[in-house]
Structure formats: structure tokens, C-alpha cells
Amino acid sequence: MDAPFTPLAPEKFRDPLTTAKGDVRASVDFVGLETLWLNTGTLCNIECAHCFMKSGPRNDRLVYLTLEQVTGFLDEIADLGLATRIIGFTGGEPFMNKAFPSMLDAVLARGHEALVLTNAMQPLWQRRDALSNLAARHGTERLTMRVSIDHYTPEPHEDERGPGSWTLVQRGVEWLAGGGFRLSVAGRTRWGEDPAAVRQGYRDLFDVWGLDVDAFDPGQLILFPEMDERIDVPEITTACWNIVGVRPQDQMCATQRMVVWRKGRPAPHLVPCTLLPFGREFDLGPRLADALGPVALNHPHCARFCVLGGASCTPA
């Protein structure tokens, strides 16, 4: 059972320039597009208990991107001369989108690295031939599969992802490992365990499953803080950078953007990061050229996940 929480004060995160207390709200200047995320759609084969995206078999709030749209953004990266290293794919479950293998092919053919966030369950399993063909064409050095394994033991993982999900993710990651694919793992911290003990637990699991993943490397095992925008959290002011010892240029919105296609809209649009796909106040328009300005930290996720949580969806 979840612990009681203090609800977020309704006057917080309202004004992009000032906090509820009247202080100057922190913002993050754009440094350079290191990672472009592509949200392939919110549809997913499962419905997790605490998914901040509310992804599931019936949620098409973000509709499927097309290959043509993806290549358009890749063209814009090239035309603008952006030194974009990583193209990240998230959802939903990316492998639900039938065009996804072709998107990966386009990304790898242009020399980018690809980072895929997946639950490694049935949709991936059904695309094994396509993945094997991609590996044969491009190798696996620039393709990383980040598999969601919420806990290092079956029961909490299945509390999140449903009965039988543990066996399916094991099947998927073992197939990926056997095919030479680069792996990383995303875990959760919602059980309040000691971080070192959690990493040791994952290390033991990886040994049993035969995975070449270093559980003590935060870039290979990413333990994400929980995100619930209903829970109270401090607003981030310009003074907070020195108080908490965090640099604005290390925040996701300094070096990342995400493409989303909202249902009913004529075209995909850019948002600052993977955490803010829906809020219209964070809509940066349909073109990368217009989406590379400063971002006000005007959302609870900016504080909880990024500044105070120290997390990023793309490892350094």
C-alpha cells in the first residue's frame, strides 16, 4: 500500500517566471542537442500500476509517429548542423509501432546512436527477425536496449507490470543478450530500499540471467526517482542552484528535446524533455529550429526528478 502523501499546493507551478512565494523561477538555457527523443506513441502492451505516462493498451493520447516524420526530424538535425549523438525512442512501448524497426534503421544509417526504452516483452519478441536484420546491417555498438526491470525480484516487478511479466522480460533480455545487443536496465526506487543494497540485488540478478550489465554503473543501471505530480515538492528558484549544488547545464532540457504527436493534432511537436509530453505550456512548436531556447522549470517533475532527484533519461 502506498504511504500517505502531502498534496501539492495548488498555487505552485503556475507562473513560468515566478514561484508561489514570489521568487524568480529557475530556467535552463539550451546548450546543444545531445539527444533527440522520439515518443513513438503511448500505446503499450501492458498497463503499469505507477506509469506517469498512463500508457496502456487503450491509451492513444500520443499517436504513432511515422517513418516519414522521423526522417524529417533527422533531416532537420543535419540541416541545422546539430551535433546530436543519440536518438532515443520511448513510449508507450516502441515495438508496438509497426514502423519502429524502419525508424531504427534510418537512425543507424545516418550514424547516430540509438537508445530504445522497452519492456522487452511480447512486442519486442515479435520483432526479433527485424532486430537481427538491423544488427547484421549496422552492428550493435550504436544500439542500446534499455529494459525496464522495476525490481530485482519477481514480486514487486509483477506488482507494477502484472502477473507473468517477470518470465516474459527474462525471456526478452536473455534473447537480446544472446544476440549481442548492448543492454542497460531501468529500475524503480519506490520501495525505499538502501541504494547500495538495490544495486547488489540487481548485480545478483544479472549474474543469474547472464547479462553484461554493471549494476554499480549508474549509466548501465538507472534507478529512477518516482514521479507523482500530485505530491508536494519545492519550486526551484535561481538561488537553488548554489543551495543544492546542481548546475543548470546538467539538466535534461539543456541538451535534450522530445518529439510527440498528440492525438487530433495535424503534426508532431517538440517538448523540452521526456517528462512533459502533454502540457501545452511546454509545447515548443513543430520545428527543431524553434525549440532550442531556454526552459522554465515550471513543473513538479522538474524539481522532483531532475534538480532534486539528480536523474536524467540519457546517461552522460
C-alpha atoms as a PDB file:
ATOM      1  CA  MET A   1       0.000   0.000   0.000  1.00  0.00           C
ATOM      2  CA  ASP A   2       1.327   3.463  -0.884  1.00  0.00           C
ATOM      3  CA  ALA A   3       2.227   5.754   2.018  1.00  0.00           C
ATOM      4  CA  PRO A   4       0.102   8.894   2.615  1.00  0.00           C
ATOM      5  CA  PHE A   5       1.415  11.956   0.849  1.00  0.00           C
ATOM      6  CA  THR A   6       1.269  15.714   1.239  1.00  0.00           C
ATOM      7  CA  PRO A   7      -0.634  17.081  -1.757  1.00  0.00           C
ATOM      8  CA  LEU A   8       0.918  19.714  -3.963  1.00  0.00           C
ATOM      9  CA  ALA A   9      -0.142  23.223  -3.033  1.00  0.00           C
ATOM     10  CA  PRO A  10      -2.427  24.489  -5.836  1.00  0.00           C
ATOM     11  CA  GLU A  11      -0.641  27.841  -6.066  1.00  0.00           C
ATOM     12  CA  LYS A  12       2.670  26.214  -7.036  1.00  0.00           C
ATOM     13  CA  PHE A  13       3.998  25.835 -10.585  1.00  0.00           C
ATOM     14  CA  ARG A  14       1.559  28.344 -12.063  1.00  0.00           C
ATOM     15  CA  ASP A  15       3.729  31.205 -13.326  1.00  0.00           C
ATOM     16  CA  PRO A  16       6.702  30.433 -15.594  1.00  0.00           C
ATOM     17  CA  LEU A  17       8.583  33.465 -14.258  1.00  0.00           C
ATOM     18  CA  THR A  18       7.946  33.445 -10.520  1.00  0.00           C
ATOM     19  CA  THR A  19       7.211  30.905  -7.802  1.00  0.00           C
ATOM     20  CA  ALA A  20       4.235  30.938  -5.455  1.00  0.00           C
ATOM     21  CA  LYS A  21       6.411  32.817  -2.940  1.00  0.00           C
ATOM     22  CA  GLY A  22       7.275  35.482  -5.498  1.00  0.00           C
ATOM     23  CA  ASP A  23      10.861  34.361  -6.117  1.00  0.00           C
ATOM     24  CA  VAL A  24      12.400  34.245  -9.577  1.00  0.00           C
ATOM     25  CA  ARG A  25      11.814  30.807 -11.038  1.00  0.00           C
ATOM     26  CA  ALA A  26      14.867  28.959 -12.319  1.00  0.00           C
ATOM     27  CA  SER A  27      15.188  28.313 -16.013  1.00  0.00           C
ATOM     28  CA  VAL A  28      17.654  26.315 -18.087  1.00  0.00           C
ATOM     29  CA  ASP A  29      19.392  27.671 -21.151  1.00  0.00           C
ATOM     30  CA  PHE A  30      19.801  25.427 -24.166  1.00  0.00           C
ATOM     31  CA  VAL A  31      23.384  24.177 -24.540  1.00  0.00           C
ATOM     32  CA  GLY A  32      23.196  21.845 -27.541  1.00  0.00           C
ATOM     33  CA  LEU A  33      21.044  18.987 -28.774  1.00  0.00           C
ATOM     34  CA  GLU A  34      22.876  15.935 -27.471  1.00  0.00           C
ATOM     35  CA  THR A  35      19.744  13.731 -27.535  1.00  0.00           C
ATOM     36  CA  LEU A  36      16.529  13.880 -29.509  1.00  0.00           C
ATOM     37  CA  TRP A  37      13.802  11.659 -28.086  1.00  0.00           C
ATOM     38  CA  LEU A  38      11.032  10.300 -30.283  1.00  0.00           C
ATOM     39  CA  ASN A  39       7.885   9.214 -28.480  1.00  0.00           C
ATOM     40  CA  THR A  40       6.578   6.525 -30.797  1.00  0.00           C
ATOM     41  CA  GLY A  41       3.111   6.601 -29.155  1.00  0.00           C
ATOM     42  CA  THR A  42       1.536   5.959 -25.748  1.00  0.00           C
ATOM     43  CA  LEU A  43       0.040   2.580 -26.639  1.00  0.00           C
ATOM     44  CA  CYS A  44       1.619  -0.235 -24.633  1.00  0.00           C
ATOM     45  CA  ASN A  45       1.031  -3.955 -24.282  1.00  0.00           C
ATOM     46  CA  ILE A  46       0.728  -3.608 -20.501  1.00  0.00           C
ATOM     47  CA  GLU A  47      -0.629  -1.056 -18.034  1.00  0.00           C
ATOM     48  CA  CYS A  48       1.772  -0.472 -15.142  1.00  0.00           C
ATOM     49  CA  ALA A  49       0.458   0.455 -11.726  1.00  0.00           C
ATOM     50  CA  HIS A  50       2.503   3.652 -11.474  1.00  0.00           C
ATOM     51  CA  CYS A  51       3.214   4.741 -15.057  1.00  0.00           C
ATOM     52  CA  PHE A  52       3.487   8.542 -15.143  1.00  0.00           C
ATOM     53  CA  MET A  53       2.535   8.414 -18.856  1.00  0.00           C
ATOM     54  CA  LYS A  54      -0.547   6.279 -18.125  1.00  0.00           C
ATOM     55  CA  SER A  55       0.457   4.148 -21.113  1.00  0.00           C
ATOM     56  CA  GLY A  56      -1.579   1.060 -21.843  1.00  0.00           C
ATOM     57  CA  PRO A  57      -3.455  -0.939 -24.467  1.00  0.00           C
ATOM     58  CA  ARG A  58      -6.151   1.753 -24.802  1.00  0.00           C
ATOM     59  CA  ASN A  59      -4.174   4.976 -24.360  1.00  0.00           C
ATOM     60  CA  ASP A  60      -3.505   6.587 -27.741  1.00  0.00           C
ATOM     61  CA  ARG A  61      -3.261  10.113 -26.348  1.00  0.00           C
ATOM     62  CA  LEU A  62       0.032  10.242 -28.231  1.00  0.00           C
ATOM     63  CA  VAL A  63      -0.422   8.551 -31.597  1.00  0.00           C
ATOM     64  CA  TYR A  64       2.144   6.594 -33.561  1.00  0.00           C
ATOM     65  CA  LEU A  65       4.910   8.559 -35.240  1.00  0.00           C
ATOM     66  CA  THR A  66       5.557   7.667 -38.864  1.00  0.00           C
ATOM     67  CA  LEU A  67       8.851   6.898 -40.582  1.00  0.00           C
ATOM     68  CA  GLU A  68       8.405   9.969 -42.777  1.00  0.00           C
ATOM     69  CA  GLN A  69       8.060  12.206 -39.712  1.00  0.00           C
ATOM     70  CA  VAL A  70      11.134  10.685 -38.103  1.00  0.00           C
ATOM     71  CA  THR A  71      13.260  11.171 -41.199  1.00  0.00           C
ATOM     72  CA  GLY A  72      12.029  14.759 -41.346  1.00  0.00           C
ATOM     73  CA  PHE A  73      13.472  15.467 -37.905  1.00  0.00           C
ATOM     74  CA  LEU A  74      16.696  13.667 -38.831  1.00  0.00           C
ATOM     75  CA  ASP A  75      16.913  15.896 -41.907  1.00  0.00           C
ATOM     76  CA  GLU A  76      16.429  18.973 -39.731  1.00  0.00           C
ATOM     77  CA  ILE A  77      19.233  17.879 -37.410  1.00  0.00           C
ATOM     78  CA  ALA A  78      21.510  17.624 -40.424  1.00  0.00           C
ATOM     79  CA  ASP A  79      20.329  20.904 -41.969  1.00  0.00           C
ATOM     80  CA  LEU A  80      20.885  22.795 -38.696  1.00  0.00           C
ATOM     81  CA  GLY A  81      24.306  21.231 -38.214  1.00  0.00           C
ATOM     82  CA  LEU A  82      23.384  19.949 -34.752  1.00  0.00           C
ATOM     83  CA  ALA A  83      25.862  17.573 -33.120  1.00  0.00           C
ATOM     84  CA  THR A  84      23.122  15.207 -31.986  1.00  0.00           C
ATOM     85  CA  ARG A  85      24.709  11.975 -30.801  1.00  0.00           C
ATOM     86  CA  ILE A  86      21.737   9.970 -29.548  1.00  0.00           C
ATOM     87  CA  ILE A  87      18.252   9.405 -30.911  1.00  0.00           C
ATOM     88  CA  GLY A  88      16.164   7.960 -28.094  1.00  0.00           C
ATOM     89  CA  PHE A  89      12.905   6.051 -28.527  1.00  0.00           C
ATOM     90  CA  THR A  90      10.283   5.835 -25.820  1.00  0.00           C
ATOM     91  CA  GLY A  91       6.544   5.293 -25.487  1.00  0.00           C
ATOM     92  CA  GLY A  92       4.375   3.536 -24.552  1.00  0.00           C
ATOM     93  CA  GLU A  93       6.205   0.526 -25.888  1.00  0.00           C
ATOM     94  CA  PRO A  94       8.140   1.456 -29.057  1.00  0.00           C
ATOM     95  CA  PHE A  95       7.859  -2.034 -30.526  1.00  0.00           C
ATOM     96  CA  MET A  96       4.056  -1.623 -30.666  1.00  0.00           C
ATOM     97  CA  ASN A  97       4.614   0.781 -33.566  1.00  0.00           C
ATOM     98  CA  LYS A  98       4.951  -1.351 -36.715  1.00  0.00           C
ATOM     99  CA  ALA A  99       7.183   1.269 -38.349  1.00  0.00           C
ATOM    100  CA  PHE A 100       9.638   1.200 -35.461  1.00  0.00           C
ATOM    101  CA  PRO A 101      12.284  -1.138 -36.993  1.00  0.00           C
ATOM    102  CA  SER A 102      12.395   1.115 -40.067  1.00  0.00           C
ATOM    103  CA  MET A 103      12.864   4.137 -37.796  1.00  0.00           C
ATOM    104  CA  LEU A 104      15.798   2.425 -36.100  1.00  0.00           C
ATOM    105  CA  ASP A 105      17.265   1.601 -39.484  1.00  0.00           C
ATOM    106  CA  ALA A 106      17.050   5.249 -40.564  1.00  0.00           C
ATOM    107  CA  VAL A 107      18.703   6.466 -37.365  1.00  0.00           C
ATOM    108  CA  LEU A 108      21.576   3.990 -37.520  1.00  0.00           C
ATOM    109  CA  ALA A 109      22.105   4.555 -41.244  1.00  0.00           C
ATOM    110  CA  ARG A 110      22.823   8.222 -40.514  1.00  0.00           C
ATOM    111  CA  GLY A 111      25.459   7.417 -37.936  1.00  0.00           C
ATOM    112  CA  HIS A 112      23.535   8.300 -34.777  1.00  0.00           C
ATOM    113  CA  GLU A 113      23.427   6.150 -31.687  1.00  0.00           C
ATOM    114  CA  ALA A 114      20.012   4.724 -30.825  1.00  0.00           C
ATOM    115  CA  LEU A 115      18.673   4.223 -27.300  1.00  0.00           C
ATOM    116  CA  VAL A 116      15.456   2.218 -27.021  1.00  0.00           C
ATOM    117  CA  LEU A 117      13.337   2.108 -23.855  1.00  0.00           C
ATOM    118  CA  THR A 118      11.424  -1.175 -23.869  1.00  0.00           C
ATOM    119  CA  ASN A 119       9.762  -3.671 -21.560  1.00  0.00           C
ATOM    120  CA  ALA A 120      11.293  -6.476 -23.705  1.00  0.00           C
ATOM    121  CA  MET A 121       8.028  -8.388 -23.680  1.00  0.00           C
ATOM    122  CA  GLN A 122       5.780  -9.649 -26.477  1.00  0.00           C
ATOM    123  CA  PRO A 123       6.035  -6.681 -28.910  1.00  0.00           C
ATOM    124  CA  LEU A 124       9.842  -6.956 -28.953  1.00  0.00           C
ATOM    125  CA  TRP A 125       9.631 -10.743 -29.164  1.00  0.00           C
ATOM    126  CA  GLN A 126       7.545 -10.423 -32.323  1.00  0.00           C
ATOM    127  CA  ARG A 127      10.219  -8.185 -33.907  1.00  0.00           C
ATOM    128  CA  ARG A 128      13.179 -10.499 -33.349  1.00  0.00           C
ATOM    129  CA  ASP A 129      13.792 -11.058 -37.056  1.00  0.00           C
ATOM    130  CA  ALA A 130      13.773  -7.314 -37.733  1.00  0.00           C
ATOM    131  CA  LEU A 131      16.195  -6.708 -34.859  1.00  0.00           C
ATOM    132  CA  SER A 132      18.508  -9.442 -36.059  1.00  0.00           C
ATOM    133  CA  ASN A 133      18.491  -7.899 -39.532  1.00  0.00           C
ATOM    134  CA  LEU A 134      19.325  -4.481 -38.069  1.00  0.00           C
ATOM    135  CA  ALA A 135      22.220  -5.974 -36.123  1.00  0.00           C
ATOM    136  CA  ALA A 136      23.507  -7.620 -39.277  1.00  0.00           C
ATOM    137  CA  ARG A 137      23.285  -4.336 -41.214  1.00  0.00           C
ATOM    138  CA  HIS A 138      24.618  -1.916 -38.626  1.00  0.00           C
ATOM    139  CA  GLY A 139      26.187  -3.940 -35.832  1.00  0.00           C
ATOM    140  CA  THR A 140      25.167  -3.425 -32.216  1.00  0.00           C
ATOM    141  CA  GLU A 141      27.751  -0.918 -30.976  1.00  0.00           C
ATOM    142  CA  ARG A 142      25.458   2.070 -31.569  1.00  0.00           C
ATOM    143  CA  LEU A 143      22.213   0.410 -30.463  1.00  0.00           C
ATOM    144  CA  THR A 144      21.341   0.133 -26.776  1.00  0.00           C
ATOM    145  CA  MET A 145      18.218  -1.514 -25.405  1.00  0.00           C
ATOM    146  CA  ARG A 146      17.249  -0.137 -22.002  1.00  0.00           C
ATOM    147  CA  VAL A 147      14.964  -2.713 -20.462  1.00  0.00           C
ATOM    148  CA  SER A 148      12.566  -1.837 -17.655  1.00  0.00           C
ATOM    149  CA  ILE A 149      13.034  -4.242 -14.744  1.00  0.00           C
ATOM    150  CA  ASP A 150      11.296  -2.487 -11.895  1.00  0.00           C
ATOM    151  CA  HIS A 151      12.824  -4.580  -9.106  1.00  0.00           C
ATOM    152  CA  TYR A 152      15.446  -7.290  -8.843  1.00  0.00           C
ATOM    153  CA  THR A 153      12.887  -9.774  -7.502  1.00  0.00           C
ATOM    154  CA  PRO A 154       9.738 -11.010  -9.248  1.00  0.00           C
ATOM    155  CA  GLU A 155       7.019  -9.946  -6.800  1.00  0.00           C
ATOM    156  CA  PRO A 156       7.492  -6.154  -6.806  1.00  0.00           C
ATOM    157  CA  HIS A 157       8.149  -6.173 -10.542  1.00  0.00           C
ATOM    158  CA  GLU A 158       4.889  -8.025 -11.162  1.00  0.00           C
ATOM    159  CA  ASP A 159       3.042  -5.739  -8.742  1.00  0.00           C
ATOM    160  CA  GLU A 160       3.892  -2.995 -11.217  1.00  0.00           C
ATOM    161  CA  ARG A 161       3.609  -4.861 -14.523  1.00  0.00           C
ATOM    162  CA  GLY A 162       1.185  -7.676 -13.941  1.00  0.00           C
ATOM    163  CA  PRO A 163       1.263 -11.445 -13.400  1.00  0.00           C
ATOM    164  CA  GLY A 164       3.612 -13.322 -15.688  1.00  0.00           C
ATOM    165  CA  SER A 165       5.590 -10.223 -16.685  1.00  0.00           C
ATOM    166  CA  TRP A 166       8.763 -11.424 -14.931  1.00  0.00           C
ATOM    167  CA  THR A 167       9.101 -14.538 -17.076  1.00  0.00           C
ATOM    168  CA  LEU A 168       8.457 -12.558 -20.251  1.00  0.00           C
ATOM    169  CA  VAL A 169      11.059  -9.877 -19.512  1.00  0.00           C
ATOM    170  CA  GLN A 170      13.597 -12.582 -18.642  1.00  0.00           C
ATOM    171  CA  ARG A 171      12.941 -14.267 -21.986  1.00  0.00           C
ATOM    172  CA  GLY A 172      13.375 -10.968 -23.797  1.00  0.00           C
ATOM    173  CA  VAL A 173      16.591  -9.819 -22.154  1.00  0.00           C
ATOM    174  CA  GLU A 174      18.186 -13.233 -22.450  1.00  0.00           C
ATOM    175  CA  TRP A 175      17.420 -13.228 -26.168  1.00  0.00           C
ATOM    176  CA  LEU A 176      18.876  -9.718 -26.528  1.00  0.00           C
ATOM    177  CA  ALA A 177      21.990 -10.694 -24.587  1.00  0.00           C
ATOM    178  CA  GLY A 178      22.405 -13.827 -26.687  1.00  0.00           C
ATOM    179  CA  GLY A 179      22.192 -11.735 -29.846  1.00  0.00           C
ATOM    180  CA  GLY A 180      24.981  -9.425 -28.723  1.00  0.00           C
ATOM    181  CA  PHE A 181      22.785  -6.368 -28.190  1.00  0.00           C
ATOM    182  CA  ARG A 182      24.018  -3.708 -25.801  1.00  0.00           C
ATOM    183  CA  LEU A 183      21.854  -3.626 -22.694  1.00  0.00           C
ATOM    184  CA  SER A 184      21.115  -1.266 -19.880  1.00  0.00           C
ATOM    185  CA  VAL A 185      18.380  -1.554 -17.263  1.00  0.00           C
ATOM    186  CA  ALA A 186      15.936   0.906 -15.731  1.00  0.00           C
ATOM    187  CA  GLY A 187      14.777   0.189 -12.174  1.00  0.00           C
ATOM    188  CA  ARG A 188      12.493   1.910  -9.690  1.00  0.00           C
ATOM    189  CA  THR A 189      13.151   3.294  -6.205  1.00  0.00           C
ATOM    190  CA  ARG A 190       9.599   3.384  -4.897  1.00  0.00           C
ATOM    191  CA  TRP A 191      10.211   0.710  -2.254  1.00  0.00           C
ATOM    192  CA  GLY A 192      12.582   2.921  -0.246  1.00  0.00           C
ATOM    193  CA  GLU A 193      15.433   0.422  -0.084  1.00  0.00           C
ATOM    194  CA  ASP A 194      19.089   1.232   0.523  1.00  0.00           C
ATOM    195  CA  PRO A 195      20.570   2.145  -2.901  1.00  0.00           C
ATOM    196  CA  ALA A 196      23.689   0.016  -2.436  1.00  0.00           C
ATOM    197  CA  ALA A 197      21.586  -2.992  -1.475  1.00  0.00           C
ATOM    198  CA  VAL A 198      19.378  -2.436  -4.523  1.00  0.00           C
ATOM    199  CA  ARG A 199      22.374  -2.371  -6.838  1.00  0.00           C
ATOM    200  CA  GLN A 200      23.733  -5.539  -5.235  1.00  0.00           C
ATOM    201  CA  GLY A 201      20.363  -7.186  -5.748  1.00  0.00           C
ATOM    202  CA  TYR A 202      20.409  -6.298  -9.428  1.00  0.00           C
ATOM    203  CA  ARG A 203      24.007  -7.485  -9.721  1.00  0.00           C
ATOM    204  CA  ASP A 204      22.991 -10.883  -8.416  1.00  0.00           C
ATOM    205  CA  LEU A 205      20.086 -10.974 -10.855  1.00  0.00           C
ATOM    206  CA  PHE A 206      22.278 -10.041 -13.824  1.00  0.00           C
ATOM    207  CA  ASP A 207      24.705 -12.796 -12.891  1.00  0.00           C
ATOM    208  CA  VAL A 208      21.896 -15.360 -12.844  1.00  0.00           C
ATOM    209  CA  TRP A 209      20.487 -14.145 -16.168  1.00  0.00           C
ATOM    210  CA  GLY A 210      23.924 -13.845 -17.782  1.00  0.00           C
ATOM    211  CA  LEU A 211      23.644 -10.130 -18.576  1.00  0.00           C
ATOM    212  CA  ASP A 212      26.699  -7.972 -19.275  1.00  0.00           C
ATOM    213  CA  VAL A 213      25.359  -5.025 -17.280  1.00  0.00           C
ATOM    214  CA  ASP A 214      27.310  -3.369 -14.455  1.00  0.00           C
ATOM    215  CA  ALA A 215      24.785  -2.807 -11.691  1.00  0.00           C
ATOM    216  CA  PHE A 216      27.093  -0.324  -9.958  1.00  0.00           C
ATOM    217  CA  ASP A 217      27.461   1.859 -13.044  1.00  0.00           C
ATOM    218  CA  PRO A 218      24.646   4.467 -12.915  1.00  0.00           C
ATOM    219  CA  GLY A 219      24.741   4.674 -16.695  1.00  0.00           C
ATOM    220  CA  GLN A 220      24.031   0.960 -17.080  1.00  0.00           C
ATOM    221  CA  LEU A 221      21.555   0.535 -14.219  1.00  0.00           C
ATOM    222  CA  ILE A 222      19.440   3.670 -13.927  1.00  0.00           C
ATOM    223  CA  LEU A 223      17.380   3.874 -10.738  1.00  0.00           C
ATOM    224  CA  PHE A 224      14.677   6.430 -11.331  1.00  0.00           C
ATOM    225  CA  PRO A 225      13.031   8.523  -8.608  1.00  0.00           C
ATOM    226  CA  GLU A 226       9.265   8.281  -8.508  1.00  0.00           C
ATOM    227  CA  MET A 227       7.161  10.871 -10.302  1.00  0.00           C
ATOM    228  CA  ASP A 228       3.775  11.845  -8.966  1.00  0.00           C
ATOM    229  CA  GLU A 229       2.851  15.434  -9.729  1.00  0.00           C
ATOM    230  CA  ARG A 230       0.164  15.354  -7.011  1.00  0.00           C
ATOM    231  CA  ILE A 231       2.803  15.217  -4.255  1.00  0.00           C
ATOM    232  CA  ASP A 232       4.253  18.381  -2.775  1.00  0.00           C
ATOM    233  CA  VAL A 233       7.756  19.392  -3.803  1.00  0.00           C
ATOM    234  CA  PRO A 234       9.696  22.675  -3.553  1.00  0.00           C
ATOM    235  CA  GLU A 235       9.740  25.019  -6.511  1.00  0.00           C
ATOM    236  CA  ILE A 236      13.175  25.683  -7.975  1.00  0.00           C
ATOM    237  CA  THR A 237      14.384  29.285  -7.821  1.00  0.00           C
ATOM    238  CA  THR A 238      17.527  30.846  -9.244  1.00  0.00           C
ATOM    239  CA  ALA A 239      19.067  30.633  -5.767  1.00  0.00           C
ATOM    240  CA  CYS A 240      18.579  26.864  -5.629  1.00  0.00           C
ATOM    241  CA  TRP A 241      21.454  26.082  -7.970  1.00  0.00           C
ATOM    242  CA  ASN A 242      24.015  27.088  -5.344  1.00  0.00           C
ATOM    243  CA  ILE A 243      21.964  25.789  -2.416  1.00  0.00           C
ATOM    244  CA  VAL A 244      21.662  22.237  -3.757  1.00  0.00           C
ATOM    245  CA  GLY A 245      24.962  22.246  -5.657  1.00  0.00           C
ATOM    246  CA  VAL A 246      23.428  21.476  -9.050  1.00  0.00           C
ATOM    247  CA  ARG A 247      24.307  23.024 -12.405  1.00  0.00           C
ATOM    248  CA  PRO A 248      21.579  24.135 -14.833  1.00  0.00           C
ATOM    249  CA  GLN A 249      23.588  22.853 -17.808  1.00  0.00           C
ATOM    250  CA  ASP A 250      23.346  19.320 -16.387  1.00  0.00           C
ATOM    251  CA  GLN A 251      19.542  19.248 -16.595  1.00  0.00           C
ATOM    252  CA  MET A 252      17.859  17.310 -19.378  1.00  0.00           C
ATOM    253  CA  CYS A 253      16.317  20.358 -21.018  1.00  0.00           C
ATOM    254  CA  ALA A 254      19.781  21.844 -21.593  1.00  0.00           C
ATOM    255  CA  THR A 255      20.693  19.102 -24.064  1.00  0.00           C
ATOM    256  CA  GLN A 256      17.530  17.148 -24.924  1.00  0.00           C
ATOM    257  CA  ARG A 257      14.189  17.551 -26.663  1.00  0.00           C
ATOM    258  CA  MET A 258      11.361  15.113 -27.384  1.00  0.00           C
ATOM    259  CA  VAL A 259       9.005  14.751 -30.338  1.00  0.00           C
ATOM    260  CA  VAL A 260       5.364  13.906 -29.548  1.00  0.00           C
ATOM    261  CA  TRP A 261       2.313  13.622 -31.782  1.00  0.00           C
ATOM    262  CA  ARG A 262      -0.784  14.464 -29.779  1.00  0.00           C
ATOM    263  CA  LYS A 263      -3.989  12.852 -30.922  1.00  0.00           C
ATOM    264  CA  GLY A 264      -6.038  15.198 -33.097  1.00  0.00           C
ATOM    265  CA  ARG A 265      -3.109  17.471 -33.959  1.00  0.00           C
ATOM    266  CA  PRO A 266      -2.005  17.757 -37.595  1.00  0.00           C
ATOM    267  CA  ALA A 267       1.689  17.202 -36.925  1.00  0.00           C
ATOM    268  CA  PRO A 268       4.180  16.234 -34.209  1.00  0.00           C
ATOM    269  CA  HIS A 269       5.541  18.928 -31.894  1.00  0.00           C
ATOM    270  CA  LEU A 270       8.621  19.331 -29.700  1.00  0.00           C
ATOM    271  CA  VAL A 271       8.628  19.394 -25.893  1.00  0.00           C
ATOM    272  CA  PRO A 272      11.597  20.062 -23.574  1.00  0.00           C
ATOM    273  CA  CYS A 273      12.140  16.513 -22.315  1.00  0.00           C
ATOM    274  CA  THR A 274      10.674  13.053 -21.825  1.00  0.00           C
ATOM    275  CA  LEU A 275       8.784  14.054 -18.668  1.00  0.00           C
ATOM    276  CA  LEU A 276       6.480  16.714 -20.110  1.00  0.00           C
ATOM    277  CA  PRO A 277       4.673  15.247 -23.122  1.00  0.00           C
ATOM    278  CA  PHE A 278       1.193  16.641 -22.532  1.00  0.00           C
ATOM    279  CA  GLY A 279       1.312  20.136 -21.035  1.00  0.00           C
ATOM    280  CA  ARG A 280       0.523  22.720 -23.703  1.00  0.00           C
ATOM    281  CA  GLU A 281       2.565  25.281 -21.752  1.00  0.00           C
ATOM    282  CA  PHE A 282       5.649  23.235 -22.665  1.00  0.00           C
ATOM    283  CA  ASP A 283       4.825  22.989 -26.375  1.00  0.00           C
ATOM    284  CA  LEU A 284       7.822  24.228 -28.361  1.00  0.00           C
ATOM    285  CA  GLY A 285       6.312  24.018 -31.831  1.00  0.00           C
ATOM    286  CA  PRO A 286       6.748  21.663 -34.796  1.00  0.00           C
ATOM    287  CA  ARG A 287      10.301  22.611 -35.806  1.00  0.00           C
ATOM    288  CA  LEU A 288      13.573  21.918 -34.050  1.00  0.00           C
ATOM    289  CA  ALA A 289      14.863  25.306 -35.109  1.00  0.00           C
ATOM    290  CA  ASP A 290      12.225  26.986 -32.937  1.00  0.00           C
ATOM    291  CA  ALA A 291      12.553  24.616 -29.960  1.00  0.00           C
ATOM    292  CA  LEU A 292      16.096  25.294 -28.808  1.00  0.00           C
ATOM    293  CA  GLY A 293      15.537  28.141 -26.355  1.00  0.00           C
ATOM    294  CA  PRO A 294      15.502  28.339 -22.533  1.00  0.00           C
ATOM    295  CA  VAL A 295      13.012  26.312 -20.491  1.00  0.00           C
ATOM    296  CA  ALA A 296      11.365  27.486 -17.261  1.00  0.00           C
ATOM    297  CA  LEU A 297      11.313  24.812 -14.541  1.00  0.00           C
ATOM    298  CA  ASN A 298       7.583  25.192 -14.041  1.00  0.00           C
ATOM    299  CA  HIS A 299       6.514  21.628 -13.286  1.00  0.00           C
ATOM    300  CA  PRO A 300       6.822  19.325 -10.239  1.00  0.00           C
ATOM    301  CA  HIS A 301       8.807  16.807 -12.309  1.00  0.00           C
ATOM    302  CA  CYS A 302      11.483  19.465 -12.938  1.00  0.00           C
ATOM    303  CA  ALA A 303      12.097  19.615  -9.199  1.00  0.00           C
ATOM    304  CA  ARG A 304      11.486  16.050  -8.094  1.00  0.00           C
ATOM    305  CA  PHE A 305      13.092  14.107 -10.926  1.00  0.00           C
ATOM    306  CA  CYS A 306      15.764  16.415 -12.284  1.00  0.00           C
ATOM    307  CA  VAL A 307      17.070  19.063  -9.888  1.00  0.00           C
ATOM    308  CA  LEU A 308      16.459  17.318  -6.546  1.00  0.00           C
ATOM    309  CA  GLY A 309      16.362  13.740  -7.860  1.00  0.00           C
ATOM    310  CA  GLY A 310      19.521  14.156  -9.935  1.00  0.00           C
ATOM    311  CA  ALA A 311      18.100  11.917 -12.660  1.00  0.00           C
ATOM    312  CA  SER A 312      18.288  12.023 -16.438  1.00  0.00           C
ATOM    313  CA  CYS A 313      16.734   9.771 -19.064  1.00  0.00           C
ATOM    314  CA  THR A 314      20.007   9.811 -21.002  1.00  0.00           C
ATOM    315  CA  PRO A 315      23.189   8.875 -19.129  1.00  0.00           C
ATOM    316  CA  ALA A 316      26.216  11.117 -19.501  1.00  0.00           C
END
